[in-house]
Amino acid sequence: MLKHHLLATLILSLTIPASMGAAEIPNAQQDQAEPPQVSPAPRDLTNEPRGRELDRWSFQAGVAAITDSAIGDLFRGDAQRPSSEARGEIYLLQVSRKLAEFKPELWGQEMKLDLELPLVLGVVNEDGDGSFLQYSGGLTLRWKHFPWNHWLYTNLETGVGLTYSQHVLATERERLSGRERSHLEFYWPLQLMLAHPQHREHQLVLFIHHHSGGGIFHRGGANSVGIGYRYVIGERKARRAGA
């Protein structure tokens, strides 16, 4: 009996670990069959700085009729065309970069102002003297906060800079004959932008292209009244964000 009892004990000691090992094998196979946990790929940020940089730029094209009127006359709605030889147009291409954005408070309301750097290439086409180039650049402030912007999106821009013309405009020579004229003048743009609230990046521009001596280079100057189109990249994203 003792001999049979020892034999049974030995058999049990050998079979129990073997069964446990067999039970563990399927679990090991299941662990191997499970797909490995993969962490999500990091978001690609390489294009974001470029996108933010593009949002700062705007592009504009327009044409303006050369007038024989002073800036005060234009404000009163009295625009006169010069004589036949001094008549003409200025074709303008403008690239602007937004340098800063300000949000001051006025009477408890947050205002929106953009400080911009415009660079303008002009082609002056006069009836008497043909065509020549004009270069302008400066700093401008663009006022973007108007109470009716939900119905008609409106911007108003003005600033100061310098203009260099290859030739003095004929209208300046005629109106201010006998005075020495400089090719370098002060640049004073005045622009009104209008757009549909749902398409704020596409803007109609009504503008006065003014350059004069300012009493430093010479006295007097020239004014042209024009119309143009402006595309503002940043306004597209601002509209989508509800800004």
C-alpha atoms as a PDB file:
ATOM      1  CA  MET A   1       0.000   0.000   0.000  1.00  0.00           C
ATOM      2  CA  LEU A   2       2.757   2.418   0.879  1.00  0.00           C
ATOM      3  CA  LYS A   3       4.419   1.645  -2.362  1.00  0.00           C
ATOM      4  CA  HIS A   4       1.226   2.382  -4.352  1.00  0.00           C
ATOM      5  CA  HIS A   5       0.654   5.603  -2.361  1.00  0.00           C
ATOM      6  CA  LEU A   6       4.126   6.935  -3.138  1.00  0.00           C
ATOM      7  CA  LEU A   7       3.664   6.083  -6.802  1.00  0.00           C
ATOM      8  CA  ALA A   8       0.377   8.039  -6.943  1.00  0.00           C
ATOM      9  CA  THR A   9       1.941  11.038  -5.256  1.00  0.00           C
ATOM     10  CA  LEU A  10       4.790  11.025  -7.761  1.00  0.00           C
ATOM     11  CA  ILE A  11       2.371  10.886 -10.700  1.00  0.00           C
ATOM     12  CA  LEU A  12       0.325  13.809  -9.333  1.00  0.00           C
ATOM     13  CA  SER A  13       3.437  15.934  -8.810  1.00  0.00           C
ATOM     14  CA  LEU A  14       4.414  15.422 -12.429  1.00  0.00           C
ATOM     15  CA  THR A  15       0.988  15.947 -14.032  1.00  0.00           C
ATOM     16  CA  ILE A  16      -0.147  19.104 -12.184  1.00  0.00           C
ATOM     17  CA  PRO A  17       2.758  21.376 -13.324  1.00  0.00           C
ATOM     18  CA  ALA A  18       2.439  20.007 -16.852  1.00  0.00           C
ATOM     19  CA  SER A  19      -1.253  20.910 -16.974  1.00  0.00           C
ATOM     20  CA  MET A  20      -0.562  24.380 -15.631  1.00  0.00           C
ATOM     21  CA  GLY A  21       2.082  24.952 -18.271  1.00  0.00           C
ATOM     22  CA  ALA A  22      -0.310  23.786 -20.959  1.00  0.00           C
ATOM     23  CA  ALA A  23      -2.951  26.232 -19.721  1.00  0.00           C
ATOM     24  CA  GLU A  24      -0.481  29.072 -19.856  1.00  0.00           C
ATOM     25  CA  ILE A  25       0.511  28.400 -23.459  1.00  0.00           C
ATOM     26  CA  PRO A  26      -2.769  29.681 -25.024  1.00  0.00           C
ATOM     27  CA  ASN A  27      -2.500  32.888 -22.986  1.00  0.00           C
ATOM     28  CA  ALA A  28       1.026  33.410 -24.254  1.00  0.00           C
ATOM     29  CA  GLN A  29      -0.140  32.827 -27.804  1.00  0.00           C
ATOM     30  CA  GLN A  30      -2.974  35.335 -27.284  1.00  0.00           C
ATOM     31  CA  ASP A  31      -0.503  37.876 -25.978  1.00  0.00           C
ATOM     32  CA  GLN A  32       1.633  37.418 -29.057  1.00  0.00           C
ATOM     33  CA  ALA A  33      -1.398  37.675 -31.355  1.00  0.00           C
ATOM     34  CA  GLU A  34      -2.531  41.058 -29.975  1.00  0.00           C
ATOM     35  CA  PRO A  35      -1.351  43.986 -32.153  1.00  0.00           C
ATOM     36  CA  PRO A  36       1.205  46.207 -30.514  1.00  0.00           C
ATOM     37  CA  GLN A  37      -0.011  49.523 -29.118  1.00  0.00           C
ATOM     38  CA  VAL A  38       1.117  52.291 -31.498  1.00  0.00           C
ATOM     39  CA  SER A  39       1.175  55.852 -30.200  1.00  0.00           C
ATOM     40  CA  PRO A  40      -0.332  58.501 -32.538  1.00  0.00           C
ATOM     41  CA  ALA A  41       2.081  60.231 -34.864  1.00  0.00           C
ATOM     42  CA  PRO A  42       3.047  63.777 -33.824  1.00  0.00           C
ATOM     43  CA  ARG A  43       1.263  66.604 -35.670  1.00  0.00           C
ATOM     44  CA  ASP A  44       3.286  68.030 -38.517  1.00  0.00           C
ATOM     45  CA  LEU A  45       4.084  71.642 -37.615  1.00  0.00           C
ATOM     46  CA  THR A  46       6.413  72.387 -40.486  1.00  0.00           C
ATOM     47  CA  ASN A  47       3.753  74.233 -42.478  1.00  0.00           C
ATOM     48  CA  GLU A  48       2.292  76.280 -39.637  1.00  0.00           C
ATOM     49  CA  PRO A  49       4.961  79.009 -39.490  1.00  0.00           C
ATOM     50  CA  ARG A  50       4.707  79.410 -43.257  1.00  0.00           C
ATOM     51  CA  GLY A  51       0.935  79.652 -43.011  1.00  0.00           C
ATOM     52  CA  ARG A  52       1.116  82.299 -40.323  1.00  0.00           C
ATOM     53  CA  GLU A  53       3.591  84.264 -42.436  1.00  0.00           C
ATOM     54  CA  LEU A  54       1.337  84.163 -45.502  1.00  0.00           C
ATOM     55  CA  ASP A  55      -1.545  85.495 -43.413  1.00  0.00           C
ATOM     56  CA  ARG A  56       0.370  88.746 -43.042  1.00  0.00           C
ATOM     57  CA  TRP A  57       0.417  89.538 -46.760  1.00  0.00           C
ATOM     58  CA  SER A  58      -2.081  91.259 -49.043  1.00  0.00           C
ATOM     59  CA  PHE A  59      -1.998  92.081 -52.741  1.00  0.00           C
ATOM     60  CA  GLN A  60      -3.654  94.921 -54.601  1.00  0.00           C
ATOM     61  CA  ALA A  61      -4.031  96.182 -58.152  1.00  0.00           C
ATOM     62  CA  GLY A  62      -5.764  99.335 -59.320  1.00  0.00           C
ATOM     63  CA  VAL A  63      -5.917 102.208 -61.746  1.00  0.00           C
ATOM     64  CA  ALA A  64      -6.250 105.898 -60.912  1.00  0.00           C
ATOM     65  CA  ALA A  65      -7.085 108.950 -63.019  1.00  0.00           C
ATOM     66  CA  ILE A  66      -4.679 111.862 -62.620  1.00  0.00           C
ATOM     67  CA  THR A  67      -6.509 114.997 -61.460  1.00  0.00           C
ATOM     68  CA  ASP A  68      -5.733 118.698 -61.440  1.00  0.00           C
ATOM     69  CA  SER A  69      -7.270 119.176 -57.967  1.00  0.00           C
ATOM     70  CA  ALA A  70      -5.756 119.748 -54.550  1.00  0.00           C
ATOM     71  CA  ILE A  71      -6.489 117.257 -51.770  1.00  0.00           C
ATOM     72  CA  GLY A  72      -8.956 119.665 -50.143  1.00  0.00           C
ATOM     73  CA  ASP A  73     -10.899 119.956 -53.404  1.00  0.00           C
ATOM     74  CA  LEU A  74     -11.183 116.170 -53.613  1.00  0.00           C
ATOM     75  CA  PHE A  75     -12.612 115.995 -50.100  1.00  0.00           C
ATOM     76  CA  ARG A  76     -15.270 118.458 -51.220  1.00  0.00           C
ATOM     77  CA  GLY A  77     -16.029 116.289 -54.251  1.00  0.00           C
ATOM     78  CA  ASP A  78     -14.506 118.709 -56.756  1.00  0.00           C
ATOM     79  CA  ALA A  79     -12.259 116.577 -58.983  1.00  0.00           C
ATOM     80  CA  GLN A  80     -10.993 118.278 -62.129  1.00  0.00           C
ATOM     81  CA  ARG A  81      -9.095 116.601 -64.968  1.00  0.00           C
ATOM     82  CA  PRO A  82      -5.937 118.394 -66.163  1.00  0.00           C
ATOM     83  CA  SER A  83      -5.275 119.651 -69.689  1.00  0.00           C
ATOM     84  CA  SER A  84      -4.978 117.217 -72.566  1.00  0.00           C
ATOM     85  CA  GLU A  85      -1.186 116.763 -72.327  1.00  0.00           C
ATOM     86  CA  ALA A  86      -1.221 116.298 -68.536  1.00  0.00           C
ATOM     87  CA  ARG A  87      -4.111 113.869 -68.543  1.00  0.00           C
ATOM     88  CA  GLY A  88      -3.423 110.256 -67.904  1.00  0.00           C
ATOM     89  CA  GLU A  89      -3.665 107.323 -65.554  1.00  0.00           C
ATOM     90  CA  ILE A  90      -1.502 105.572 -62.979  1.00  0.00           C
ATOM     91  CA  TYR A  91      -1.584 101.780 -62.908  1.00  0.00           C
ATOM     92  CA  LEU A  92      -0.664 100.542 -59.439  1.00  0.00           C
ATOM     93  CA  LEU A  93       0.479  97.195 -58.057  1.00  0.00           C
ATOM     94  CA  GLN A  94       0.810  96.955 -54.288  1.00  0.00           C
ATOM     95  CA  VAL A  95       2.139  94.345 -51.881  1.00  0.00           C
ATOM     96  CA  SER A  96       1.586  94.909 -48.157  1.00  0.00           C
ATOM     97  CA  ARG A  97       2.855  93.077 -45.105  1.00  0.00           C
ATOM     98  CA  LYS A  98       1.137  93.351 -41.731  1.00  0.00           C
ATOM     99  CA  LEU A  99       3.724  94.249 -39.114  1.00  0.00           C
ATOM    100  CA  ALA A 100       1.543  94.370 -36.020  1.00  0.00           C
ATOM    101  CA  GLU A 101      -2.049  94.235 -34.814  1.00  0.00           C
ATOM    102  CA  PHE A 102      -3.428  96.543 -32.132  1.00  0.00           C
ATOM    103  CA  LYS A 103      -6.678  96.215 -30.190  1.00  0.00           C
ATOM    104  CA  PRO A 104      -7.076  99.400 -28.153  1.00  0.00           C
ATOM    105  CA  GLU A 105     -10.280 100.219 -26.303  1.00  0.00           C
ATOM    106  CA  LEU A 106     -12.323 103.288 -27.169  1.00  0.00           C
ATOM    107  CA  TRP A 107     -15.424 104.111 -25.108  1.00  0.00           C
ATOM    108  CA  GLY A 108     -15.417 100.567 -23.761  1.00  0.00           C
ATOM    109  CA  GLN A 109     -15.301  99.003 -27.234  1.00  0.00           C
ATOM    110  CA  GLU A 110     -12.376  96.993 -28.581  1.00  0.00           C
ATOM    111  CA  MET A 111     -10.933  98.476 -31.755  1.00  0.00           C
ATOM    112  CA  LYS A 112      -8.950  96.628 -34.443  1.00  0.00           C
ATOM    113  CA  LEU A 113      -5.972  98.315 -36.094  1.00  0.00           C
ATOM    114  CA  ASP A 114      -3.328  96.830 -38.387  1.00  0.00           C
ATOM    115  CA  LEU A 115       0.085  98.407 -38.896  1.00  0.00           C
ATOM    116  CA  GLU A 116       1.227  97.602 -42.432  1.00  0.00           C
ATOM    117  CA  LEU A 117       4.184  98.143 -44.719  1.00  0.00           C
ATOM    118  CA  PRO A 118       2.986  98.776 -48.321  1.00  0.00           C
ATOM    119  CA  LEU A 119       5.291  98.714 -51.322  1.00  0.00           C
ATOM    120  CA  VAL A 120       3.751 100.193 -54.461  1.00  0.00           C
ATOM    121  CA  LEU A 121       4.883 100.072 -58.068  1.00  0.00           C
ATOM    122  CA  GLY A 122       3.190 102.592 -60.346  1.00  0.00           C
ATOM    123  CA  VAL A 123       3.218 102.975 -64.111  1.00  0.00           C
ATOM    124  CA  VAL A 124       2.316 106.574 -64.997  1.00  0.00           C
ATOM    125  CA  ASN A 125       0.801 106.920 -68.458  1.00  0.00           C
ATOM    126  CA  GLU A 126       0.490 110.567 -69.489  1.00  0.00           C
ATOM    127  CA  ASP A 127      -1.002 111.642 -72.792  1.00  0.00           C
ATOM    128  CA  GLY A 128       1.839 114.072 -73.479  1.00  0.00           C
ATOM    129  CA  ASP A 129       4.995 112.466 -72.040  1.00  0.00           C
ATOM    130  CA  GLY A 130       4.295 108.764 -72.419  1.00  0.00           C
ATOM    131  CA  SER A 131       4.932 106.249 -69.624  1.00  0.00           C
ATOM    132  CA  PHE A 132       7.366 106.156 -66.718  1.00  0.00           C
ATOM    133  CA  LEU A 133       7.688 104.376 -63.364  1.00  0.00           C
ATOM    134  CA  GLN A 134       6.888 105.531 -59.867  1.00  0.00           C
ATOM    135  CA  TYR A 135       7.874 103.829 -56.591  1.00  0.00           C
ATOM    136  CA  SER A 136       6.161 104.316 -53.226  1.00  0.00           C
ATOM    137  CA  GLY A 137       6.498 102.843 -49.768  1.00  0.00           C
ATOM    138  CA  GLY A 138       5.721 103.726 -46.179  1.00  0.00           C
ATOM    139  CA  LEU A 139       3.774 102.765 -43.090  1.00  0.00           C
ATOM    140  CA  THR A 140      -0.018 102.688 -42.883  1.00  0.00           C
ATOM    141  CA  LEU A 141      -2.691 102.072 -40.265  1.00  0.00           C
ATOM    142  CA  ARG A 142      -5.757 100.112 -41.308  1.00  0.00           C
ATOM    143  CA  TRP A 143      -8.913 100.676 -39.218  1.00  0.00           C
ATOM    144  CA  LYS A 144     -11.041  97.509 -39.305  1.00  0.00           C
ATOM    145  CA  HIS A 145     -13.715  98.109 -36.663  1.00  0.00           C
ATOM    146  CA  PHE A 146     -17.019  99.553 -37.894  1.00  0.00           C
ATOM    147  CA  PRO A 147     -20.474  98.869 -36.405  1.00  0.00           C
ATOM    148  CA  TRP A 148     -21.972  97.889 -39.785  1.00  0.00           C
ATOM    149  CA  ASN A 149     -19.305  95.276 -40.635  1.00  0.00           C
ATOM    150  CA  HIS A 150     -21.903  92.478 -40.388  1.00  0.00           C
ATOM    151  CA  TRP A 151     -23.687  94.035 -43.361  1.00  0.00           C
ATOM    152  CA  LEU A 152     -20.800  95.648 -45.258  1.00  0.00           C
ATOM    153  CA  TYR A 153     -17.267  94.800 -44.189  1.00  0.00           C
ATOM    154  CA  THR A 154     -15.313  98.069 -44.203  1.00  0.00           C
ATOM    155  CA  ASN A 155     -11.674  99.063 -43.734  1.00  0.00           C
ATOM    156  CA  LEU A 156     -10.136 102.518 -43.817  1.00  0.00           C
ATOM    157  CA  GLU A 157      -6.407 102.940 -44.389  1.00  0.00           C
ATOM    158  CA  THR A 158      -4.029 105.880 -44.352  1.00  0.00           C
ATOM    159  CA  GLY A 159      -0.380 106.484 -43.615  1.00  0.00           C
ATOM    160  CA  VAL A 160       2.773 108.235 -44.728  1.00  0.00           C
ATOM    161  CA  GLY A 161       5.843 107.346 -46.740  1.00  0.00           C
ATOM    162  CA  LEU A 162       7.955 108.389 -49.713  1.00  0.00           C
ATOM    163  CA  THR A 163       7.380 108.407 -53.478  1.00  0.00           C
ATOM    164  CA  TYR A 164      10.022 108.561 -56.183  1.00  0.00           C
ATOM    165  CA  SER A 165       8.986 109.317 -59.784  1.00  0.00           C
ATOM    166  CA  GLN A 166      11.239 108.991 -62.805  1.00  0.00           C
ATOM    167  CA  HIS A 167       9.672 112.210 -64.123  1.00  0.00           C
ATOM    168  CA  VAL A 168       7.715 114.998 -62.480  1.00  0.00           C
ATOM    169  CA  LEU A 169       4.042 114.690 -63.400  1.00  0.00           C
ATOM    170  CA  ALA A 170       2.920 117.145 -66.076  1.00  0.00           C
ATOM    171  CA  THR A 171       0.014 118.318 -63.937  1.00  0.00           C
ATOM    172  CA  GLU A 172       2.497 119.461 -61.276  1.00  0.00           C
ATOM    173  CA  ARG A 173       4.620 121.303 -63.832  1.00  0.00           C
ATOM    174  CA  GLU A 174       1.577 123.082 -65.257  1.00  0.00           C
ATOM    175  CA  ARG A 175      -0.107 124.042 -61.983  1.00  0.00           C
ATOM    176  CA  LEU A 176       3.127 125.040 -60.296  1.00  0.00           C
ATOM    177  CA  SER A 177       5.098 126.414 -63.224  1.00  0.00           C
ATOM    178  CA  GLY A 178       8.226 128.325 -62.349  1.00  0.00           C
ATOM    179  CA  ARG A 179       8.884 126.255 -59.241  1.00  0.00           C
ATOM    180  CA  GLU A 180      11.634 123.708 -59.085  1.00  0.00           C
ATOM    181  CA  ARG A 181      10.229 120.215 -58.590  1.00  0.00           C
ATOM    182  CA  SER A 182      11.777 117.223 -56.880  1.00  0.00           C
ATOM    183  CA  HIS A 183      11.449 113.629 -58.053  1.00  0.00           C
ATOM    184  CA  LEU A 184      11.254 112.571 -54.386  1.00  0.00           C
ATOM    185  CA  GLU A 185       8.031 113.417 -52.543  1.00  0.00           C
ATOM    186  CA  PHE A 186       6.006 112.425 -49.519  1.00  0.00           C
ATOM    187  CA  TYR A 187       3.492 109.628 -50.040  1.00  0.00           C
ATOM    188  CA  TRP A 188       0.071 109.872 -48.384  1.00  0.00           C
ATOM    189  CA  PRO A 189      -2.327 107.060 -49.313  1.00  0.00           C
ATOM    190  CA  LEU A 190      -6.026 107.192 -48.477  1.00  0.00           C
ATOM    191  CA  GLN A 191      -7.975 103.993 -49.084  1.00  0.00           C
ATOM    192  CA  LEU A 192     -11.496 102.748 -48.386  1.00  0.00           C
ATOM    193  CA  MET A 193     -12.016  98.969 -48.640  1.00  0.00           C
ATOM    194  CA  LEU A 194     -15.441  97.357 -48.977  1.00  0.00           C
ATOM    195  CA  ALA A 195     -16.274  93.643 -48.991  1.00  0.00           C
ATOM    196  CA  HIS A 196     -19.085  91.146 -48.499  1.00  0.00           C
ATOM    197  CA  PRO A 197     -19.018  89.925 -44.852  1.00  0.00           C
ATOM    198  CA  GLN A 198     -18.835  86.298 -46.031  1.00  0.00           C
ATOM    199  CA  HIS A 199     -15.986  87.048 -48.463  1.00  0.00           C
ATOM    200  CA  ARG A 200     -13.874  89.530 -46.559  1.00  0.00           C
ATOM    201  CA  GLU A 201     -10.656  88.536 -48.308  1.00  0.00           C
ATOM    202  CA  HIS A 202     -11.964  89.974 -51.611  1.00  0.00           C
ATOM    203  CA  GLN A 203     -12.111  93.754 -51.255  1.00  0.00           C
ATOM    204  CA  LEU A 204     -13.151  96.597 -53.513  1.00  0.00           C
ATOM    205  CA  VAL A 205     -10.816  99.554 -52.995  1.00  0.00           C
ATOM    206  CA  LEU A 206     -11.611 103.236 -53.557  1.00  0.00           C
ATOM    207  CA  PHE A 207      -8.508 105.343 -53.083  1.00  0.00           C
ATOM    208  CA  ILE A 208      -6.678 108.648 -53.441  1.00  0.00           C
ATOM    209  CA  HIS A 209      -3.052 108.342 -54.511  1.00  0.00           C
ATOM    210  CA  HIS A 210      -1.418 111.492 -53.142  1.00  0.00           C
ATOM    211  CA  HIS A 211       2.215 112.601 -53.298  1.00  0.00           C
ATOM    212  CA  SER A 212       3.594 116.063 -52.619  1.00  0.00           C
ATOM    213  CA  GLY A 213       6.663 117.943 -51.446  1.00  0.00           C
ATOM    214  CA  GLY A 214       5.187 118.779 -48.070  1.00  0.00           C
ATOM    215  CA  GLY A 215       7.022 122.108 -47.986  1.00  0.00           C
ATOM    216  CA  ILE A 216      10.341 120.242 -47.622  1.00  0.00           C
ATOM    217  CA  PHE A 217      11.121 118.854 -51.058  1.00  0.00           C
ATOM    218  CA  HIS A 218       8.899 121.504 -52.694  1.00  0.00           C
ATOM    219  CA  ARG A 219       5.403 122.927 -52.340  1.00  0.00           C
ATOM    220  CA  GLY A 220       2.342 121.281 -53.873  1.00  0.00           C
ATOM    221  CA  GLY A 221       1.864 117.859 -55.388  1.00  0.00           C
ATOM    222  CA  ALA A 222      -0.470 115.638 -57.384  1.00  0.00           C
ATOM    223  CA  ASN A 223      -3.583 113.609 -56.625  1.00  0.00           C
ATOM    224  CA  SER A 224      -5.090 110.690 -58.479  1.00  0.00           C
ATOM    225  CA  VAL A 225      -8.452 109.070 -57.793  1.00  0.00           C
ATOM    226  CA  GLY A 226      -8.820 105.378 -58.455  1.00  0.00           C
ATOM    227  CA  ILE A 227     -10.463 102.019 -57.971  1.00  0.00           C
ATOM    228  CA  GLY A 228      -8.886  98.637 -57.386  1.00  0.00           C
ATOM    229  CA  TYR A 229      -9.066  95.116 -56.007  1.00  0.00           C
ATOM    230  CA  ARG A 230      -7.336  93.870 -52.869  1.00  0.00           C
ATOM    231  CA  TYR A 231      -6.853  90.262 -51.748  1.00  0.00           C
ATOM    232  CA  VAL A 232      -6.101  89.805 -48.027  1.00  0.00           C
ATOM    233  CA  ILE A 233      -5.021  86.257 -47.163  1.00  0.00           C
ATOM    234  CA  GLY A 234      -5.465  86.661 -43.418  1.00  0.00           C
ATOM    235  CA  GLU A 235      -9.087  87.790 -43.722  1.00  0.00           C
ATOM    236  CA  ARG A 236     -10.081  84.370 -45.084  1.00  0.00           C
ATOM    237  CA  LYS A 237      -8.937  82.558 -41.933  1.00  0.00           C
ATOM    238  CA  ALA A 238     -10.248  85.317 -39.672  1.00  0.00           C
ATOM    239  CA  ARG A 239     -13.702  84.941 -41.247  1.00  0.00           C
ATOM    240  CA  ARG A 240     -13.687  81.187 -40.717  1.00  0.00           C
ATOM    241  CA  ALA A 241     -12.649  81.646 -37.100  1.00  0.00           C
ATOM    242  CA  GLY A 242     -15.387  84.224 -36.560  1.00  0.00           C
ATOM    243  CA  ALA A 243     -12.921  86.972 -35.664  1.00  0.00           C
END
